[in-house]
N, C-alpha and C. Protein backbone atom coordinates (compact mmCIF):
# COMPACT_ATOMS: atom_id res chain seq x y z
N MET A 1 -2.40 -17.85 -51.68
CA MET A 1 -2.40 -16.70 -50.79
C MET A 1 -3.61 -16.81 -49.88
N ASN A 2 -3.38 -16.68 -48.57
CA ASN A 2 -4.52 -16.78 -47.67
C ASN A 2 -5.37 -15.51 -47.72
N ARG A 3 -6.54 -15.58 -47.14
CA ARG A 3 -7.53 -14.49 -47.22
C ARG A 3 -6.98 -13.18 -46.67
N LYS A 4 -6.31 -13.22 -45.55
CA LYS A 4 -5.81 -12.00 -44.92
C LYS A 4 -4.74 -11.34 -45.80
N THR A 5 -3.81 -12.13 -46.32
CA THR A 5 -2.77 -11.59 -47.19
C THR A 5 -3.38 -11.03 -48.46
N SER A 6 -4.36 -11.70 -49.01
CA SER A 6 -5.06 -11.23 -50.20
C SER A 6 -5.75 -9.90 -49.95
N ASP A 7 -6.41 -9.77 -48.80
CA ASP A 7 -7.09 -8.53 -48.46
C ASP A 7 -6.10 -7.37 -48.29
N ILE A 8 -4.99 -7.63 -47.62
CA ILE A 8 -3.97 -6.59 -47.42
C ILE A 8 -3.43 -6.13 -48.78
N THR A 9 -3.21 -7.07 -49.67
CA THR A 9 -2.70 -6.75 -51.00
C THR A 9 -3.70 -5.90 -51.78
N LYS A 10 -4.98 -6.25 -51.71
CA LYS A 10 -6.02 -5.49 -52.42
C LYS A 10 -6.16 -4.08 -51.86
N VAL A 11 -6.11 -3.96 -50.54
CA VAL A 11 -6.20 -2.64 -49.90
C VAL A 11 -5.03 -1.77 -50.35
N ALA A 12 -3.83 -2.34 -50.32
CA ALA A 12 -2.64 -1.59 -50.75
C ALA A 12 -2.73 -1.21 -52.22
N LEU A 13 -3.23 -2.12 -53.04
CA LEU A 13 -3.37 -1.85 -54.47
C LEU A 13 -4.30 -0.66 -54.72
N PHE A 14 -5.43 -0.61 -54.03
CA PHE A 14 -6.36 0.50 -54.26
C PHE A 14 -5.87 1.80 -53.64
N ALA A 15 -5.10 1.73 -52.56
CA ALA A 15 -4.47 2.95 -52.04
C ALA A 15 -3.50 3.48 -53.09
N ALA A 16 -2.74 2.59 -53.72
CA ALA A 16 -1.78 2.99 -54.76
C ALA A 16 -2.50 3.51 -56.01
N LEU A 17 -3.59 2.87 -56.40
CA LEU A 17 -4.35 3.33 -57.57
C LEU A 17 -4.94 4.72 -57.33
N THR A 18 -5.42 4.96 -56.12
CA THR A 18 -5.95 6.29 -55.80
C THR A 18 -4.83 7.33 -55.87
N ALA A 19 -3.65 6.98 -55.39
CA ALA A 19 -2.50 7.89 -55.50
C ALA A 19 -2.16 8.15 -56.96
N MET A 20 -2.18 7.10 -57.78
CA MET A 20 -1.91 7.29 -59.21
C MET A 20 -2.98 8.18 -59.84
N GLY A 21 -4.21 8.04 -59.39
CA GLY A 21 -5.29 8.88 -59.88
C GLY A 21 -5.07 10.36 -59.58
N ALA A 22 -4.35 10.64 -58.49
CA ALA A 22 -4.04 12.03 -58.14
C ALA A 22 -3.05 12.64 -59.13
N PHE A 23 -2.20 11.80 -59.69
CA PHE A 23 -1.19 12.30 -60.62
C PHE A 23 -1.76 12.55 -62.01
N ILE A 24 -2.90 11.97 -62.30
CA ILE A 24 -3.62 12.26 -63.55
C ILE A 24 -4.51 13.45 -63.22
N SER A 25 -4.00 14.64 -63.43
CA SER A 25 -4.61 15.83 -62.88
C SER A 25 -4.68 16.97 -63.89
N ILE A 26 -5.80 17.67 -63.87
CA ILE A 26 -5.97 18.88 -64.68
C ILE A 26 -6.21 20.02 -63.69
N PRO A 27 -5.25 20.95 -63.58
CA PRO A 27 -5.44 22.07 -62.65
C PRO A 27 -6.67 22.89 -63.04
N LEU A 28 -7.49 23.18 -62.04
CA LEU A 28 -8.71 23.95 -62.29
C LEU A 28 -9.04 24.74 -61.02
N GLY A 29 -8.36 25.82 -60.81
CA GLY A 29 -8.60 26.62 -59.61
C GLY A 29 -8.06 25.97 -58.36
N VAL A 30 -8.86 26.01 -57.28
CA VAL A 30 -8.38 25.50 -55.99
C VAL A 30 -8.47 23.98 -55.86
N VAL A 31 -9.27 23.35 -56.71
CA VAL A 31 -9.41 21.89 -56.69
C VAL A 31 -9.20 21.38 -58.11
N PRO A 32 -8.20 20.52 -58.33
CA PRO A 32 -7.97 20.01 -59.69
C PRO A 32 -8.92 18.87 -60.04
N ILE A 33 -9.09 18.64 -61.33
CA ILE A 33 -9.81 17.45 -61.79
C ILE A 33 -8.79 16.32 -61.76
N THR A 34 -9.11 15.23 -61.07
CA THR A 34 -8.23 14.07 -61.01
C THR A 34 -9.04 12.81 -61.32
N MET A 35 -8.34 11.70 -61.40
CA MET A 35 -9.01 10.41 -61.61
C MET A 35 -9.24 9.68 -60.29
N GLN A 36 -8.99 10.35 -59.17
CA GLN A 36 -9.11 9.70 -57.88
C GLN A 36 -10.50 9.14 -57.61
N SER A 37 -11.53 9.90 -57.93
CA SER A 37 -12.88 9.44 -57.61
C SER A 37 -13.23 8.14 -58.33
N LEU A 38 -12.66 7.93 -59.51
CA LEU A 38 -12.86 6.66 -60.22
C LEU A 38 -12.37 5.50 -59.35
N PHE A 39 -11.16 5.63 -58.81
CA PHE A 39 -10.58 4.55 -58.00
C PHE A 39 -11.25 4.44 -56.63
N VAL A 40 -11.76 5.55 -56.12
CA VAL A 40 -12.50 5.51 -54.86
C VAL A 40 -13.74 4.63 -55.03
N MET A 41 -14.51 4.89 -56.09
CA MET A 41 -15.72 4.09 -56.33
C MET A 41 -15.37 2.63 -56.61
N LEU A 42 -14.35 2.42 -57.44
CA LEU A 42 -13.95 1.04 -57.75
C LEU A 42 -13.48 0.29 -56.51
N SER A 43 -12.81 0.97 -55.59
CA SER A 43 -12.37 0.28 -54.37
C SER A 43 -13.56 -0.27 -53.60
N GLY A 44 -14.62 0.50 -53.51
CA GLY A 44 -15.82 0.00 -52.83
C GLY A 44 -16.50 -1.11 -53.60
N PHE A 45 -16.61 -0.92 -54.92
CA PHE A 45 -17.25 -1.93 -55.76
C PHE A 45 -16.54 -3.27 -55.67
N LEU A 46 -15.22 -3.25 -55.75
CA LEU A 46 -14.47 -4.49 -55.90
C LEU A 46 -13.97 -5.08 -54.58
N LEU A 47 -13.80 -4.24 -53.56
CA LEU A 47 -13.32 -4.75 -52.28
C LEU A 47 -14.42 -4.88 -51.23
N GLY A 48 -15.56 -4.25 -51.49
CA GLY A 48 -16.62 -4.22 -50.51
C GLY A 48 -16.48 -2.99 -49.63
N PRO A 49 -17.49 -2.72 -48.81
CA PRO A 49 -17.50 -1.47 -48.05
C PRO A 49 -16.33 -1.31 -47.08
N SER A 50 -16.04 -2.33 -46.30
CA SER A 50 -15.01 -2.20 -45.26
C SER A 50 -13.61 -2.10 -45.84
N LEU A 51 -13.25 -3.01 -46.71
CA LEU A 51 -11.90 -2.98 -47.29
C LEU A 51 -11.73 -1.80 -48.23
N GLY A 52 -12.79 -1.43 -48.93
CA GLY A 52 -12.71 -0.25 -49.79
C GLY A 52 -12.43 1.00 -48.98
N ALA A 53 -13.18 1.18 -47.90
CA ALA A 53 -12.96 2.34 -47.02
C ALA A 53 -11.57 2.29 -46.40
N LEU A 54 -11.12 1.09 -46.02
CA LEU A 54 -9.78 0.95 -45.46
C LEU A 54 -8.71 1.36 -46.47
N SER A 55 -8.89 1.01 -47.73
CA SER A 55 -7.89 1.38 -48.75
C SER A 55 -7.79 2.90 -48.86
N GLN A 56 -8.91 3.59 -48.73
CA GLN A 56 -8.89 5.05 -48.80
C GLN A 56 -8.31 5.67 -47.53
N ALA A 57 -8.55 5.04 -46.40
CA ALA A 57 -7.95 5.52 -45.14
C ALA A 57 -6.43 5.36 -45.19
N VAL A 58 -5.96 4.25 -45.74
CA VAL A 58 -4.52 4.03 -45.89
C VAL A 58 -3.92 5.11 -46.79
N TYR A 59 -4.58 5.39 -47.91
CA TYR A 59 -4.13 6.43 -48.83
C TYR A 59 -4.04 7.78 -48.10
N LEU A 60 -5.06 8.13 -47.37
CA LEU A 60 -5.11 9.40 -46.66
C LEU A 60 -4.01 9.48 -45.60
N ILE A 61 -3.85 8.45 -44.82
CA ILE A 61 -2.84 8.43 -43.75
C ILE A 61 -1.43 8.54 -44.34
N LEU A 62 -1.16 7.79 -45.40
CA LEU A 62 0.17 7.87 -46.02
C LEU A 62 0.45 9.28 -46.55
N GLY A 63 -0.55 9.90 -47.15
CA GLY A 63 -0.38 11.26 -47.63
C GLY A 63 -0.17 12.25 -46.50
N LEU A 64 -0.92 12.10 -45.42
CA LEU A 64 -0.76 12.99 -44.27
C LEU A 64 0.58 12.80 -43.57
N MET A 65 1.14 11.59 -43.70
CA MET A 65 2.46 11.33 -43.11
C MET A 65 3.58 12.01 -43.91
N GLY A 66 3.25 12.53 -45.08
CA GLY A 66 4.26 13.27 -45.83
C GLY A 66 4.59 12.72 -47.20
N LEU A 67 4.09 11.53 -47.53
CA LEU A 67 4.35 11.01 -48.87
C LEU A 67 3.60 11.88 -49.88
N PRO A 68 4.22 12.22 -50.99
CA PRO A 68 3.58 13.12 -51.97
C PRO A 68 2.56 12.39 -52.83
N LEU A 69 1.45 11.98 -52.21
CA LEU A 69 0.45 11.17 -52.88
C LEU A 69 -0.79 11.94 -53.32
N PHE A 70 -0.91 13.18 -52.87
CA PHE A 70 -2.08 13.97 -53.21
C PHE A 70 -1.83 14.72 -54.52
N ALA A 71 -2.87 15.31 -55.09
CA ALA A 71 -2.75 16.05 -56.35
C ALA A 71 -1.62 17.08 -56.25
N SER A 72 -0.97 17.32 -57.36
CA SER A 72 0.18 18.22 -57.45
C SER A 72 1.37 17.71 -56.65
N MET A 73 1.39 16.40 -56.41
CA MET A 73 2.48 15.73 -55.68
C MET A 73 2.72 16.38 -54.32
N THR A 74 1.65 16.58 -53.58
CA THR A 74 1.75 17.15 -52.24
C THR A 74 1.45 16.07 -51.21
N GLY A 75 1.75 16.37 -49.99
CA GLY A 75 1.48 15.50 -48.87
C GLY A 75 1.88 16.22 -47.60
N GLY A 76 1.62 15.61 -46.47
CA GLY A 76 1.96 16.20 -45.19
C GLY A 76 0.74 16.70 -44.46
N ILE A 77 0.91 16.91 -43.16
CA ILE A 77 -0.19 17.31 -42.29
C ILE A 77 -0.74 18.68 -42.66
N GLN A 78 0.10 19.54 -43.26
CA GLN A 78 -0.36 20.88 -43.65
C GLN A 78 -1.44 20.82 -44.73
N THR A 79 -1.61 19.67 -45.35
CA THR A 79 -2.63 19.50 -46.39
C THR A 79 -4.03 19.74 -45.83
N ILE A 80 -4.21 19.55 -44.54
CA ILE A 80 -5.54 19.75 -43.96
C ILE A 80 -6.00 21.20 -44.10
N PHE A 81 -5.09 22.11 -44.38
CA PHE A 81 -5.44 23.53 -44.54
C PHE A 81 -5.66 23.91 -46.00
N LYS A 82 -5.67 22.94 -46.89
CA LYS A 82 -5.95 23.21 -48.30
C LYS A 82 -7.45 23.06 -48.56
N PRO A 83 -8.00 23.87 -49.45
CA PRO A 83 -9.44 23.79 -49.75
C PRO A 83 -9.89 22.42 -50.25
N SER A 84 -9.00 21.68 -50.88
CA SER A 84 -9.38 20.38 -51.46
C SER A 84 -9.35 19.23 -50.46
N PHE A 85 -8.88 19.46 -49.24
CA PHE A 85 -8.72 18.35 -48.30
C PHE A 85 -10.04 17.68 -47.93
N GLY A 86 -11.12 18.41 -47.90
CA GLY A 86 -12.42 17.81 -47.59
C GLY A 86 -12.81 16.72 -48.57
N PHE A 87 -12.41 16.91 -49.83
CA PHE A 87 -12.69 15.88 -50.84
C PHE A 87 -11.88 14.62 -50.53
N LEU A 88 -10.62 14.79 -50.10
CA LEU A 88 -9.81 13.64 -49.72
C LEU A 88 -10.43 12.90 -48.54
N LEU A 89 -10.91 13.65 -47.57
CA LEU A 89 -11.59 13.03 -46.41
C LEU A 89 -12.82 12.24 -46.84
N SER A 90 -13.51 12.76 -47.83
CA SER A 90 -14.76 12.12 -48.27
C SER A 90 -14.53 10.77 -48.94
N PHE A 91 -13.32 10.51 -49.37
CA PHE A 91 -13.04 9.26 -50.08
C PHE A 91 -13.38 8.03 -49.25
N ILE A 92 -13.16 8.11 -47.95
CA ILE A 92 -13.42 6.95 -47.08
C ILE A 92 -14.92 6.63 -47.08
N ALA A 93 -15.74 7.63 -46.86
CA ALA A 93 -17.20 7.43 -46.85
C ALA A 93 -17.71 7.04 -48.23
N ALA A 94 -17.19 7.68 -49.27
CA ALA A 94 -17.66 7.40 -50.63
C ALA A 94 -17.34 5.96 -51.03
N SER A 95 -16.15 5.50 -50.69
CA SER A 95 -15.79 4.12 -51.00
C SER A 95 -16.68 3.14 -50.23
N PHE A 96 -16.88 3.42 -48.95
CA PHE A 96 -17.74 2.56 -48.15
C PHE A 96 -19.14 2.46 -48.77
N LEU A 97 -19.70 3.60 -49.14
CA LEU A 97 -21.05 3.61 -49.69
C LEU A 97 -21.14 2.93 -51.06
N SER A 98 -20.13 3.11 -51.90
CA SER A 98 -20.19 2.43 -53.20
C SER A 98 -20.16 0.91 -53.00
N GLY A 99 -19.41 0.45 -52.02
CA GLY A 99 -19.39 -0.98 -51.71
C GLY A 99 -20.67 -1.45 -51.05
N PHE A 100 -21.19 -0.64 -50.15
CA PHE A 100 -22.41 -0.99 -49.41
C PHE A 100 -23.60 -1.15 -50.36
N PHE A 101 -23.75 -0.21 -51.29
CA PHE A 101 -24.92 -0.24 -52.17
C PHE A 101 -24.81 -1.23 -53.32
N THR A 102 -23.67 -1.88 -53.46
CA THR A 102 -23.54 -2.91 -54.51
C THR A 102 -23.16 -4.26 -53.91
N GLN A 103 -23.20 -4.35 -52.60
CA GLN A 103 -22.80 -5.59 -51.92
C GLN A 103 -23.75 -6.74 -52.22
N LYS A 104 -25.05 -6.48 -52.19
CA LYS A 104 -26.02 -7.55 -52.38
C LYS A 104 -26.62 -7.54 -53.77
N LYS A 105 -26.99 -6.37 -54.23
CA LYS A 105 -27.61 -6.25 -55.55
C LYS A 105 -26.56 -5.78 -56.54
N LYS A 106 -26.15 -6.66 -57.43
CA LYS A 106 -25.05 -6.38 -58.35
C LYS A 106 -25.53 -6.19 -59.79
N THR A 107 -26.56 -5.37 -59.95
CA THR A 107 -27.03 -5.05 -61.30
C THR A 107 -26.30 -3.79 -61.76
N PHE A 108 -26.29 -3.56 -63.06
CA PHE A 108 -25.64 -2.36 -63.57
C PHE A 108 -26.30 -1.10 -63.02
N VAL A 109 -27.61 -1.13 -62.87
CA VAL A 109 -28.33 0.03 -62.32
C VAL A 109 -27.89 0.30 -60.88
N SER A 110 -27.66 -0.74 -60.10
CA SER A 110 -27.21 -0.53 -58.72
C SER A 110 -25.81 0.09 -58.69
N PHE A 111 -24.97 -0.25 -59.65
CA PHE A 111 -23.64 0.37 -59.73
C PHE A 111 -23.74 1.84 -60.10
N ILE A 112 -24.64 2.17 -61.02
CA ILE A 112 -24.86 3.58 -61.39
C ILE A 112 -25.38 4.36 -60.18
N LYS A 113 -26.38 3.82 -59.49
CA LYS A 113 -26.95 4.50 -58.32
C LYS A 113 -25.88 4.69 -57.24
N ALA A 114 -25.09 3.66 -56.99
CA ALA A 114 -24.03 3.75 -55.98
C ALA A 114 -22.98 4.79 -56.38
N SER A 115 -22.68 4.88 -57.67
CA SER A 115 -21.72 5.88 -58.14
C SER A 115 -22.25 7.29 -57.93
N ILE A 116 -23.52 7.48 -58.20
CA ILE A 116 -24.14 8.81 -58.01
C ILE A 116 -24.12 9.18 -56.53
N ILE A 117 -24.51 8.23 -55.68
CA ILE A 117 -24.51 8.49 -54.23
C ILE A 117 -23.11 8.80 -53.74
N SER A 118 -22.12 8.02 -54.17
CA SER A 118 -20.74 8.25 -53.77
C SER A 118 -20.24 9.61 -54.22
N SER A 119 -20.58 9.98 -55.45
CA SER A 119 -20.16 11.30 -55.96
C SER A 119 -20.80 12.42 -55.15
N LEU A 120 -22.08 12.27 -54.83
CA LEU A 120 -22.76 13.29 -54.03
C LEU A 120 -22.16 13.41 -52.64
N VAL A 121 -21.79 12.28 -52.04
CA VAL A 121 -21.16 12.31 -50.72
C VAL A 121 -19.82 13.04 -50.78
N MET A 122 -19.07 12.85 -51.85
CA MET A 122 -17.80 13.57 -51.99
C MET A 122 -18.05 15.07 -51.98
N TYR A 123 -19.11 15.51 -52.65
CA TYR A 123 -19.45 16.94 -52.67
C TYR A 123 -20.01 17.40 -51.32
N LEU A 124 -20.84 16.58 -50.69
CA LEU A 124 -21.44 16.96 -49.41
C LEU A 124 -20.40 17.14 -48.30
N ILE A 125 -19.29 16.45 -48.42
CA ILE A 125 -18.21 16.60 -47.45
C ILE A 125 -17.18 17.63 -47.96
N GLY A 126 -16.84 17.55 -49.23
CA GLY A 126 -15.79 18.39 -49.79
C GLY A 126 -16.14 19.86 -49.91
N LEU A 127 -17.36 20.18 -50.33
CA LEU A 127 -17.73 21.59 -50.55
C LEU A 127 -17.80 22.40 -49.25
N PRO A 128 -18.45 21.90 -48.19
CA PRO A 128 -18.45 22.68 -46.94
C PRO A 128 -17.03 22.88 -46.38
N TYR A 129 -16.20 21.84 -46.50
CA TYR A 129 -14.82 21.97 -46.03
C TYR A 129 -14.09 23.03 -46.85
N MET A 130 -14.28 23.00 -48.17
CA MET A 130 -13.66 23.98 -49.05
C MET A 130 -14.13 25.39 -48.68
N ALA A 131 -15.41 25.56 -48.47
CA ALA A 131 -15.96 26.86 -48.09
C ALA A 131 -15.38 27.34 -46.76
N PHE A 132 -15.27 26.43 -45.81
CA PHE A 132 -14.70 26.78 -44.50
C PHE A 132 -13.25 27.26 -44.65
N ILE A 133 -12.44 26.51 -45.35
CA ILE A 133 -11.03 26.88 -45.52
C ILE A 133 -10.90 28.20 -46.28
N LEU A 134 -11.63 28.33 -47.37
CA LEU A 134 -11.52 29.55 -48.17
C LEU A 134 -12.05 30.78 -47.42
N ASN A 135 -13.16 30.64 -46.71
CA ASN A 135 -13.79 31.80 -46.10
C ASN A 135 -13.34 32.09 -44.67
N PHE A 136 -13.00 31.08 -43.90
CA PHE A 136 -12.64 31.33 -42.51
C PHE A 136 -11.14 31.23 -42.26
N TYR A 137 -10.47 30.29 -42.89
CA TYR A 137 -9.03 30.16 -42.69
C TYR A 137 -8.27 31.14 -43.59
N LEU A 138 -8.64 31.21 -44.87
CA LEU A 138 -7.97 32.10 -45.81
C LEU A 138 -8.66 33.46 -45.95
N ASP A 139 -9.81 33.62 -45.31
CA ASP A 139 -10.56 34.87 -45.28
C ASP A 139 -10.82 35.45 -46.67
N GLU A 140 -11.30 34.61 -47.57
CA GLU A 140 -11.58 35.03 -48.95
C GLU A 140 -12.93 35.72 -49.09
N GLY A 141 -13.89 35.41 -48.25
CA GLY A 141 -15.21 36.03 -48.32
C GLY A 141 -16.00 35.67 -49.57
N LEU A 142 -15.96 34.39 -49.96
CA LEU A 142 -16.64 33.95 -51.18
C LEU A 142 -18.10 33.59 -50.91
N THR A 143 -18.95 33.85 -51.89
CA THR A 143 -20.37 33.50 -51.75
C THR A 143 -20.57 32.01 -51.97
N VAL A 144 -21.71 31.51 -51.53
CA VAL A 144 -22.05 30.11 -51.74
C VAL A 144 -22.11 29.80 -53.24
N ILE A 145 -22.67 30.71 -54.02
CA ILE A 145 -22.76 30.50 -55.47
C ILE A 145 -21.37 30.39 -56.09
N TYR A 146 -20.45 31.23 -55.65
CA TYR A 146 -19.08 31.17 -56.19
C TYR A 146 -18.39 29.87 -55.78
N ILE A 147 -18.61 29.44 -54.54
CA ILE A 147 -18.04 28.17 -54.08
C ILE A 147 -18.57 27.03 -54.94
N LEU A 148 -19.88 27.02 -55.22
CA LEU A 148 -20.46 25.99 -56.08
C LEU A 148 -19.88 26.07 -57.50
N LYS A 149 -19.65 27.27 -57.98
CA LYS A 149 -19.10 27.46 -59.32
C LYS A 149 -17.70 26.85 -59.42
N ILE A 150 -16.84 27.11 -58.44
CA ILE A 150 -15.46 26.63 -58.53
C ILE A 150 -15.27 25.21 -58.00
N GLY A 151 -16.22 24.73 -57.20
CA GLY A 151 -16.05 23.41 -56.59
C GLY A 151 -17.04 22.36 -56.99
N PHE A 152 -18.06 22.74 -57.77
CA PHE A 152 -19.09 21.77 -58.14
C PHE A 152 -19.41 21.82 -59.63
N PHE A 153 -19.94 22.95 -60.09
CA PHE A 153 -20.42 23.04 -61.48
C PHE A 153 -19.33 22.72 -62.50
N ALA A 154 -18.11 23.16 -62.25
CA ALA A 154 -17.02 22.93 -63.19
C ALA A 154 -16.65 21.45 -63.31
N PHE A 155 -17.03 20.66 -62.31
CA PHE A 155 -16.63 19.25 -62.26
C PHE A 155 -17.70 18.27 -62.73
N ILE A 156 -18.91 18.75 -62.94
CA ILE A 156 -20.01 17.86 -63.30
C ILE A 156 -19.72 17.02 -64.55
N PRO A 157 -19.27 17.60 -65.66
CA PRO A 157 -19.03 16.76 -66.86
C PRO A 157 -18.00 15.65 -66.62
N SER A 158 -16.88 15.98 -66.00
CA SER A 158 -15.86 14.95 -65.77
C SER A 158 -16.33 13.92 -64.75
N ASP A 159 -17.09 14.34 -63.75
CA ASP A 159 -17.59 13.38 -62.76
C ASP A 159 -18.62 12.43 -63.35
N ILE A 160 -19.43 12.92 -64.26
CA ILE A 160 -20.40 12.03 -64.93
C ILE A 160 -19.65 10.96 -65.72
N LEU A 161 -18.61 11.37 -66.43
CA LEU A 161 -17.82 10.38 -67.19
C LEU A 161 -17.15 9.37 -66.25
N LYS A 162 -16.60 9.84 -65.14
CA LYS A 162 -15.94 8.94 -64.20
C LYS A 162 -16.92 7.99 -63.52
N LEU A 163 -18.10 8.47 -63.18
CA LEU A 163 -19.05 7.57 -62.52
C LEU A 163 -19.59 6.53 -63.49
N ILE A 164 -19.75 6.89 -64.76
CA ILE A 164 -20.16 5.91 -65.76
C ILE A 164 -19.06 4.87 -65.96
N LEU A 165 -17.82 5.33 -66.10
CA LEU A 165 -16.69 4.41 -66.27
C LEU A 165 -16.53 3.50 -65.06
N ALA A 166 -16.64 4.06 -63.86
CA ALA A 166 -16.53 3.25 -62.63
C ALA A 166 -17.64 2.21 -62.59
N SER A 167 -18.84 2.59 -62.98
CA SER A 167 -19.97 1.65 -62.97
C SER A 167 -19.76 0.52 -63.96
N ILE A 168 -19.29 0.86 -65.15
CA ILE A 168 -19.04 -0.17 -66.17
C ILE A 168 -17.95 -1.12 -65.69
N LEU A 169 -16.82 -0.56 -65.23
CA LEU A 169 -15.71 -1.40 -64.76
C LEU A 169 -16.11 -2.23 -63.54
N GLY A 170 -16.79 -1.59 -62.58
CA GLY A 170 -17.22 -2.30 -61.39
C GLY A 170 -18.15 -3.44 -61.70
N TYR A 171 -19.10 -3.19 -62.60
CA TYR A 171 -20.06 -4.23 -62.97
C TYR A 171 -19.36 -5.39 -63.69
N ARG A 172 -18.45 -5.07 -64.59
CA ARG A 172 -17.77 -6.13 -65.34
C ARG A 172 -16.75 -6.91 -64.52
N LEU A 173 -16.15 -6.25 -63.53
CA LEU A 173 -15.10 -6.90 -62.74
C LEU A 173 -15.60 -7.44 -61.40
N LYS A 174 -16.89 -7.29 -61.12
CA LYS A 174 -17.44 -7.58 -59.79
C LYS A 174 -17.12 -8.99 -59.27
N ASP A 175 -17.04 -9.95 -60.11
CA ASP A 175 -16.79 -11.33 -59.67
C ASP A 175 -15.35 -11.79 -59.95
N LYS A 176 -14.52 -10.88 -60.39
CA LYS A 176 -13.17 -11.25 -60.78
C LYS A 176 -12.12 -10.95 -59.71
N VAL A 177 -12.48 -10.13 -58.73
CA VAL A 177 -11.49 -9.72 -57.72
C VAL A 177 -11.68 -10.52 -56.45
């Protein structure tokens, strides 16, 4: 398989894995706990920054086109009006950063640091978007503390487990893909 075909296959594989991660879901208010962030980080670790980000862009575009690839088997352009859409948008940047920060230095510590940075970026993009949709589009009038409670604090334990798992898998598979 030539390089270009191999890259296309890997990008498609991680777009599919991220979609599968959406189906492994625990409903928890306006944003469910899913396994997507695990595959987002792994896409950057194993494909590098550019191809990792591309795999997440492909996932997002396919979902926006109407394929039911997002959590709760949803999809379509109307998804942009859901509180969780900011987290989906963040996947592109998070994957890029996980690949960027492990591109040259491939120690286990660098994978942990990259996972933490990627997770924080998902929150830095996802939480303001969630607050905007809930407070301005849906006119809920929620406080910042309440937004953090439903969109951040509840997810910390599962995100710590996912970032550790992503770091272990990324570190062990780094030279195999």
